[in-house]
Amino acid sequence: MPGVQGRFSKDVDDRDPSALVTFGSKLQGELEGDWLKAVLPEAAPRPQDMVPAGRVRYIPVMVRGKQVAVGQGGDTFLVDNIELRSTGMPGVQGRFSKDLDDRDPSATVTFGSKLQGELEGDWLKVVLPEPATAAGVPAGVPANSHVVHEKYAGPNTKMFGLGGCLLCGCLALLIFACPVDERDVYVAPNGAKYTLSGARIQ
């Protein structure tokens, strides 16, 4: 042993694993019978006990059968759109858990971003920074706006609608009731919508 382990009480078995006084150390204390009562400095947290600052979220490695989280060596990953070829989403939305439906609307990792994480099966566990406050929304977006993930009639929906009209007539226009494009938008208190860069959506 490199020293003597402190105890929480006057019980030899009541050890404090973080309170080791190494041999040769000098300290001030008060004798209480067969015990020395001493005040020790707080132990520095071990790396494995430290909680990372930010939010732990899960990024799916695959979206619609396409890889979006690509390893770059070590624990670094690139959130990539090359295989997915999404035109409606600016990135991949983080999840609170390993459940595709358990979305965090404020945790979108934009395509092209590199981040550190840990692979857990088909999921990438990452620590994301805390979301911006209402005052931190992009210029042009009203205060108290919030981010939502929605489906909308974008280029893919229009393409399917047009192609469907050529094949089966006007019934194909029903696709606009169930659009296939997805995006994250800011929704203002009055219901107006804005892109993540702050542009008003008409």
C-alpha atoms as a PDB file:
ATOM      1  CA  MET A   1       0.000   0.000   0.000  1.00  0.00           C
ATOM      2  CA  PRO A   2       1.337   3.478  -0.822  1.00  0.00           C
ATOM      3  CA  GLY A   3      -0.376   4.956   2.238  1.00  0.00           C
ATOM      4  CA  VAL A   4      -3.281   4.774   4.673  1.00  0.00           C
ATOM      5  CA  GLN A   5      -6.866   4.937   3.523  1.00  0.00           C
ATOM      6  CA  GLY A   6      -9.166   7.340   5.318  1.00  0.00           C
ATOM      7  CA  ARG A   7     -12.440   6.201   6.847  1.00  0.00           C
ATOM      8  CA  PHE A   8     -15.825   7.853   6.845  1.00  0.00           C
ATOM      9  CA  SER A   9     -16.223   6.974  10.539  1.00  0.00           C
ATOM     10  CA  LYS A  10     -14.290   5.364  13.383  1.00  0.00           C
ATOM     11  CA  ASP A  11     -14.796   1.960  11.803  1.00  0.00           C
ATOM     12  CA  VAL A  12     -11.845   0.212  10.188  1.00  0.00           C
ATOM     13  CA  ASP A  13     -14.099  -1.261   7.497  1.00  0.00           C
ATOM     14  CA  ASP A  14     -15.796   2.076   6.630  1.00  0.00           C
ATOM     15  CA  ARG A  15     -13.219   2.993   3.975  1.00  0.00           C
ATOM     16  CA  ASP A  16     -13.242   5.971   1.617  1.00  0.00           C
ATOM     17  CA  PRO A  17     -11.505   4.755  -1.601  1.00  0.00           C
ATOM     18  CA  SER A  18     -10.806   8.361  -2.665  1.00  0.00           C
ATOM     19  CA  ALA A  19      -9.106   9.368   0.626  1.00  0.00           C
ATOM     20  CA  LEU A  20      -5.649   7.813   0.487  1.00  0.00           C
ATOM     21  CA  VAL A  21      -2.985   9.606   2.544  1.00  0.00           C
ATOM     22  CA  THR A  22       0.392   8.556   1.151  1.00  0.00           C
ATOM     23  CA  PHE A  23       3.261   7.644   3.472  1.00  0.00           C
ATOM     24  CA  GLY A  24       5.477  10.658   4.195  1.00  0.00           C
ATOM     25  CA  SER A  25       2.549  13.096   4.083  1.00  0.00           C
ATOM     26  CA  LYS A  26       2.134  15.689   6.824  1.00  0.00           C
ATOM     27  CA  LEU A  27      -1.340  16.844   7.813  1.00  0.00           C
ATOM     28  CA  GLN A  28      -3.089  18.605  10.634  1.00  0.00           C
ATOM     29  CA  GLY A  29      -5.638  16.797  12.719  1.00  0.00           C
ATOM     30  CA  GLU A  30      -7.131  16.103  16.117  1.00  0.00           C
ATOM     31  CA  LEU A  31      -6.536  12.891  18.095  1.00  0.00           C
ATOM     32  CA  GLU A  32      -9.738  11.170  19.218  1.00  0.00           C
ATOM     33  CA  GLY A  33      -8.663   8.033  21.058  1.00  0.00           C
ATOM     34  CA  ASP A  34      -7.089   5.654  18.518  1.00  0.00           C
ATOM     35  CA  TRP A  35      -8.151   7.820  15.580  1.00  0.00           C
ATOM     36  CA  LEU A  36      -6.842  10.982  13.921  1.00  0.00           C
ATOM     37  CA  LYS A  37      -9.618  13.270  12.733  1.00  0.00           C
ATOM     38  CA  ALA A  38      -8.369  15.197   9.689  1.00  0.00           C
ATOM     39  CA  VAL A  39      -9.844  17.373   6.949  1.00  0.00           C
ATOM     40  CA  LEU A  40      -8.658  16.180   3.538  1.00  0.00           C
ATOM     41  CA  PRO A  41      -8.916  18.112   0.251  1.00  0.00           C
ATOM     42  CA  GLU A  42     -11.660  17.059  -2.142  1.00  0.00           C
ATOM     43  CA  ALA A  43     -10.516  14.375  -4.561  1.00  0.00           C
ATOM     44  CA  ALA A  44     -10.329  15.355  -8.217  1.00  0.00           C
ATOM     45  CA  PRO A  45     -12.942  13.490 -10.281  1.00  0.00           C
ATOM     46  CA  ARG A  46     -11.642  10.558 -12.259  1.00  0.00           C
ATOM     47  CA  PRO A  47     -12.051  10.845 -16.064  1.00  0.00           C
ATOM     48  CA  GLN A  48     -14.516   7.945 -16.116  1.00  0.00           C
ATOM     49  CA  ASP A  49     -16.642   9.714 -13.484  1.00  0.00           C
ATOM     50  CA  MET A  50     -16.813  13.049 -15.286  1.00  0.00           C
ATOM     51  CA  VAL A  51     -20.112  13.874 -16.996  1.00  0.00           C
ATOM     52  CA  PRO A  52     -19.547  15.523 -20.396  1.00  0.00           C
ATOM     53  CA  ALA A  53     -21.009  18.991 -20.841  1.00  0.00           C
ATOM     54  CA  GLY A  54     -23.921  19.010 -23.255  1.00  0.00           C
ATOM     55  CA  ARG A  55     -26.671  16.624 -24.259  1.00  0.00           C
ATOM     56  CA  VAL A  56     -26.185  12.923 -24.926  1.00  0.00           C
ATOM     57  CA  ARG A  57     -28.070  12.059 -28.114  1.00  0.00           C
ATOM     58  CA  TYR A  58     -28.156   9.165 -30.558  1.00  0.00           C
ATOM     59  CA  ILE A  59     -27.627   9.554 -34.308  1.00  0.00           C
ATOM     60  CA  PRO A  60     -28.815   6.693 -36.552  1.00  0.00           C
ATOM     61  CA  VAL A  61     -25.957   5.322 -38.643  1.00  0.00           C
ATOM     62  CA  MET A  62     -28.401   4.453 -41.436  1.00  0.00           C
ATOM     63  CA  VAL A  63     -31.408   6.444 -42.680  1.00  0.00           C
ATOM     64  CA  ARG A  64     -33.749   4.749 -45.189  1.00  0.00           C
ATOM     65  CA  GLY A  65     -31.105   2.123 -45.767  1.00  0.00           C
ATOM     66  CA  LYS A  66     -28.415   4.705 -46.565  1.00  0.00           C
ATOM     67  CA  GLN A  67     -25.352   5.375 -44.423  1.00  0.00           C
ATOM     68  CA  VAL A  68     -25.256   8.880 -42.956  1.00  0.00           C
ATOM     69  CA  ALA A  69     -22.668   8.490 -40.171  1.00  0.00           C
ATOM     70  CA  VAL A  70     -19.294   7.685 -41.760  1.00  0.00           C
ATOM     71  CA  GLY A  71     -16.218   6.875 -39.684  1.00  0.00           C
ATOM     72  CA  GLN A  72     -13.225   9.145 -40.238  1.00  0.00           C
ATOM     73  CA  GLY A  73     -10.797   7.283 -38.023  1.00  0.00           C
ATOM     74  CA  GLY A  74     -10.754   6.897 -34.260  1.00  0.00           C
ATOM     75  CA  ASP A  75     -13.900   8.298 -32.654  1.00  0.00           C
ATOM     76  CA  THR A  76     -14.517  10.935 -35.352  1.00  0.00           C
ATOM     77  CA  PHE A  77     -17.518  10.643 -37.677  1.00  0.00           C
ATOM     78  CA  LEU A  78     -18.846  12.621 -40.633  1.00  0.00           C
ATOM     79  CA  VAL A  79     -22.595  13.173 -41.009  1.00  0.00           C
ATOM     80  CA  ASP A  80     -22.872  12.670 -44.743  1.00  0.00           C
ATOM     81  CA  ASN A  81     -25.576  13.085 -47.418  1.00  0.00           C
ATOM     82  CA  ILE A  82     -23.797  11.392 -50.353  1.00  0.00           C
ATOM     83  CA  GLU A  83     -25.747   8.122 -50.147  1.00  0.00           C
ATOM     84  CA  LEU A  84     -29.028   9.504 -48.785  1.00  0.00           C
ATOM     85  CA  ARG A  85     -29.203  12.420 -51.263  1.00  0.00           C
ATOM     86  CA  SER A  86     -31.773  14.219 -49.136  1.00  0.00           C
ATOM     87  CA  THR A  87     -33.038  17.515 -50.543  1.00  0.00           C
ATOM     88  CA  GLY A  88     -35.516  18.311 -47.813  1.00  0.00           C
ATOM     89  CA  MET A  89     -33.496  17.781 -44.629  1.00  0.00           C
ATOM     90  CA  PRO A  90     -30.438  19.889 -43.730  1.00  0.00           C
ATOM     91  CA  GLY A  91     -29.043  17.078 -41.612  1.00  0.00           C
ATOM     92  CA  VAL A  92     -29.877  14.201 -39.295  1.00  0.00           C
ATOM     93  CA  GLN A  93     -31.981  14.715 -36.206  1.00  0.00           C
ATOM     94  CA  GLY A  94     -30.645  13.328 -32.942  1.00  0.00           C
ATOM     95  CA  ARG A  95     -32.770  11.041 -30.802  1.00  0.00           C
ATOM     96  CA  PHE A  96     -33.197  10.969 -27.041  1.00  0.00           C
ATOM     97  CA  SER A  97     -32.832   7.174 -27.163  1.00  0.00           C
ATOM     98  CA  LYS A  98     -32.175   4.389 -29.674  1.00  0.00           C
ATOM     99  CA  ASP A  99     -35.668   4.820 -31.091  1.00  0.00           C
ATOM    100  CA  LEU A 100     -36.160   6.429 -34.516  1.00  0.00           C
ATOM    101  CA  ASP A 101     -39.388   8.066 -33.348  1.00  0.00           C
ATOM    102  CA  ASP A 102     -37.850   9.545 -30.177  1.00  0.00           C
ATOM    103  CA  ARG A 103     -36.687  12.726 -31.925  1.00  0.00           C
ATOM    104  CA  ASP A 104     -35.149  15.817 -30.360  1.00  0.00           C
ATOM    105  CA  PRO A 105     -36.281  18.720 -32.607  1.00  0.00           C
ATOM    106  CA  SER A 106     -33.470  20.914 -31.279  1.00  0.00           C
ATOM    107  CA  ALA A 107     -30.690  18.413 -32.036  1.00  0.00           C
ATOM    108  CA  THR A 108     -30.182  18.427 -35.806  1.00  0.00           C
ATOM    109  CA  VAL A 109     -26.631  17.659 -36.935  1.00  0.00           C
ATOM    110  CA  THR A 110     -26.198  19.288 -40.346  1.00  0.00           C
ATOM    111  CA  PHE A 111     -24.721  17.357 -43.247  1.00  0.00           C
ATOM    112  CA  GLY A 112     -20.988  17.901 -43.526  1.00  0.00           C
ATOM    113  CA  SER A 113     -20.513  18.129 -39.755  1.00  0.00           C
ATOM    114  CA  LYS A 114     -17.765  16.160 -38.062  1.00  0.00           C
ATOM    115  CA  LEU A 115     -18.261  15.070 -34.482  1.00  0.00           C
ATOM    116  CA  GLN A 116     -16.863  12.658 -31.973  1.00  0.00           C
ATOM    117  CA  GLY A 117     -18.954   9.752 -30.803  1.00  0.00           C
ATOM    118  CA  GLU A 118     -19.144   6.123 -29.810  1.00  0.00           C
ATOM    119  CA  LEU A 119     -20.707   3.437 -31.985  1.00  0.00           C
ATOM    120  CA  GLU A 120     -23.358   1.365 -30.233  1.00  0.00           C
ATOM    121  CA  GLY A 121     -24.699  -1.064 -32.812  1.00  0.00           C
ATOM    122  CA  ASP A 122     -26.627   0.895 -35.456  1.00  0.00           C
ATOM    123  CA  TRP A 123     -26.404   4.108 -33.437  1.00  0.00           C
ATOM    124  CA  LEU A 124     -23.770   6.759 -32.862  1.00  0.00           C
ATOM    125  CA  LYS A 125     -23.780   8.086 -29.301  1.00  0.00           C
ATOM    126  CA  VAL A 126     -22.681  11.733 -29.253  1.00  0.00           C
ATOM    127  CA  VAL A 127     -22.605  14.703 -26.914  1.00  0.00           C
ATOM    128  CA  LEU A 128     -24.149  17.780 -28.536  1.00  0.00           C
ATOM    129  CA  PRO A 129     -23.940  21.358 -27.238  1.00  0.00           C
ATOM    130  CA  GLU A 130     -26.925  22.763 -25.426  1.00  0.00           C
ATOM    131  CA  PRO A 131     -29.470  24.405 -27.767  1.00  0.00           C
ATOM    132  CA  ALA A 132     -29.448  28.152 -28.217  1.00  0.00           C
ATOM    133  CA  THR A 133     -31.871  30.131 -26.095  1.00  0.00           C
ATOM    134  CA  ALA A 134     -34.721  32.066 -27.639  1.00  0.00           C
ATOM    135  CA  ALA A 135     -32.426  35.078 -27.891  1.00  0.00           C
ATOM    136  CA  GLY A 136     -29.961  32.961 -29.869  1.00  0.00           C
ATOM    137  CA  VAL A 137     -32.195  32.197 -32.858  1.00  0.00           C
ATOM    138  CA  PRO A 138     -30.923  33.307 -36.279  1.00  0.00           C
ATOM    139  CA  ALA A 139     -31.421  36.883 -37.416  1.00  0.00           C
ATOM    140  CA  GLY A 140     -34.910  37.336 -38.807  1.00  0.00           C
ATOM    141  CA  VAL A 141     -36.499  34.669 -36.607  1.00  0.00           C
ATOM    142  CA  PRO A 142     -38.780  36.053 -33.864  1.00  0.00           C
ATOM    143  CA  ALA A 143     -37.908  35.417 -30.224  1.00  0.00           C
ATOM    144  CA  ASN A 144     -39.621  32.451 -28.562  1.00  0.00           C
ATOM    145  CA  SER A 145     -39.650  30.529 -31.846  1.00  0.00           C
ATOM    146  CA  HIS A 146     -39.033  26.799 -31.590  1.00  0.00           C
ATOM    147  CA  VAL A 147     -37.735  24.123 -33.948  1.00  0.00           C
ATOM    148  CA  VAL A 148     -40.059  21.421 -35.289  1.00  0.00           C
ATOM    149  CA  HIS A 149     -39.522  18.571 -37.728  1.00  0.00           C
ATOM    150  CA  GLU A 150     -42.180  18.394 -40.422  1.00  0.00           C
ATOM    151  CA  LYS A 151     -43.107  16.807 -43.720  1.00  0.00           C
ATOM    152  CA  TYR A 152     -43.813  19.165 -46.607  1.00  0.00           C
ATOM    153  CA  ALA A 153     -44.470  19.202 -50.331  1.00  0.00           C
ATOM    154  CA  GLY A 154     -40.932  19.656 -51.579  1.00  0.00           C
ATOM    155  CA  PRO A 155     -39.112  18.609 -54.765  1.00  0.00           C
ATOM    156  CA  ASN A 156     -39.485  14.864 -54.201  1.00  0.00           C
ATOM    157  CA  THR A 157     -43.208  15.133 -53.532  1.00  0.00           C
ATOM    158  CA  LYS A 158     -43.709  17.292 -56.642  1.00  0.00           C
ATOM    159  CA  MET A 159     -41.684  14.889 -58.766  1.00  0.00           C
ATOM    160  CA  PHE A 160     -43.755  11.918 -57.609  1.00  0.00           C
ATOM    161  CA  GLY A 161     -46.960  13.886 -58.142  1.00  0.00           C
ATOM    162  CA  LEU A 162     -46.012  14.880 -61.688  1.00  0.00           C
ATOM    163  CA  GLY A 163     -44.849  11.386 -62.583  1.00  0.00           C
ATOM    164  CA  GLY A 164     -48.006   9.921 -61.088  1.00  0.00           C
ATOM    165  CA  CYS A 165     -50.198  12.267 -63.125  1.00  0.00           C
ATOM    166  CA  LEU A 166     -48.570  11.058 -66.323  1.00  0.00           C
ATOM    167  CA  LEU A 167     -49.184   7.449 -65.348  1.00  0.00           C
ATOM    168  CA  CYS A 168     -52.527   7.413 -63.566  1.00  0.00           C
ATOM    169  CA  GLY A 169     -54.101  10.845 -63.899  1.00  0.00           C
ATOM    170  CA  CYS A 170     -55.167  13.368 -61.329  1.00  0.00           C
ATOM    171  CA  LEU A 171     -55.491  10.809 -58.530  1.00  0.00           C
ATOM    172  CA  ALA A 172     -51.723  11.032 -58.163  1.00  0.00           C
ATOM    173  CA  LEU A 173     -52.174  14.537 -56.752  1.00  0.00           C
ATOM    174  CA  LEU A 174     -53.312  12.885 -53.522  1.00  0.00           C
ATOM    175  CA  ILE A 175     -49.610  12.521 -52.683  1.00  0.00           C
ATOM    176  CA  PHE A 176     -49.684  16.186 -51.667  1.00  0.00           C
ATOM    177  CA  ALA A 177     -51.864  15.126 -48.718  1.00  0.00           C
ATOM    178  CA  CYS A 178     -49.010  12.827 -47.577  1.00  0.00           C
ATOM    179  CA  PRO A 179     -45.770  14.573 -48.638  1.00  0.00           C
ATOM    180  CA  VAL A 180     -42.492  12.686 -48.499  1.00  0.00           C
ATOM    181  CA  ASP A 181     -40.029  15.571 -48.063  1.00  0.00           C
ATOM    182  CA  GLU A 182     -38.859  16.391 -44.534  1.00  0.00           C
ATOM    183  CA  ARG A 183     -37.213  19.416 -42.936  1.00  0.00           C
ATOM    184  CA  ASP A 184     -36.582  21.245 -39.649  1.00  0.00           C
ATOM    185  CA  VAL A 185     -38.080  24.726 -39.355  1.00  0.00           C
ATOM    186  CA  TYR A 186     -38.504  27.441 -36.760  1.00  0.00           C
ATOM    187  CA  VAL A 187     -42.133  28.102 -35.861  1.00  0.00           C
ATOM    188  CA  ALA A 188     -42.815  31.581 -34.483  1.00  0.00           C
ATOM    189  CA  PRO A 189     -45.462  32.273 -31.817  1.00  0.00           C
ATOM    190  CA  ASN A 190     -47.808  33.555 -34.570  1.00  0.00           C
ATOM    191  CA  GLY A 191     -47.407  30.334 -36.582  1.00  0.00           C
ATOM    192  CA  ALA A 192     -45.055  31.739 -39.233  1.00  0.00           C
ATOM    193  CA  LYS A 193     -42.287  29.395 -40.352  1.00  0.00           C
ATOM    194  CA  TYR A 194     -38.607  30.118 -40.965  1.00  0.00           C
ATOM    195  CA  THR A 195     -35.689  28.066 -42.261  1.00  0.00           C
ATOM    196  CA  LEU A 196     -32.835  27.202 -39.913  1.00  0.00           C
ATOM    197  CA  SER A 197     -30.850  30.015 -41.526  1.00  0.00           C
ATOM    198  CA  GLY A 198     -33.603  32.559 -40.723  1.00  0.00           C
ATOM    199  CA  ALA A 199     -35.394  32.966 -44.079  1.00  0.00           C
ATOM    200  CA  ARG A 200     -39.189  33.298 -43.965  1.00  0.00           C
ATOM    201  CA  ILE A 201     -41.034  30.378 -45.575  1.00  0.00           C
ATOM    202  CA  GLN A 202     -43.942  31.637 -47.674  1.00  0.00           C
END
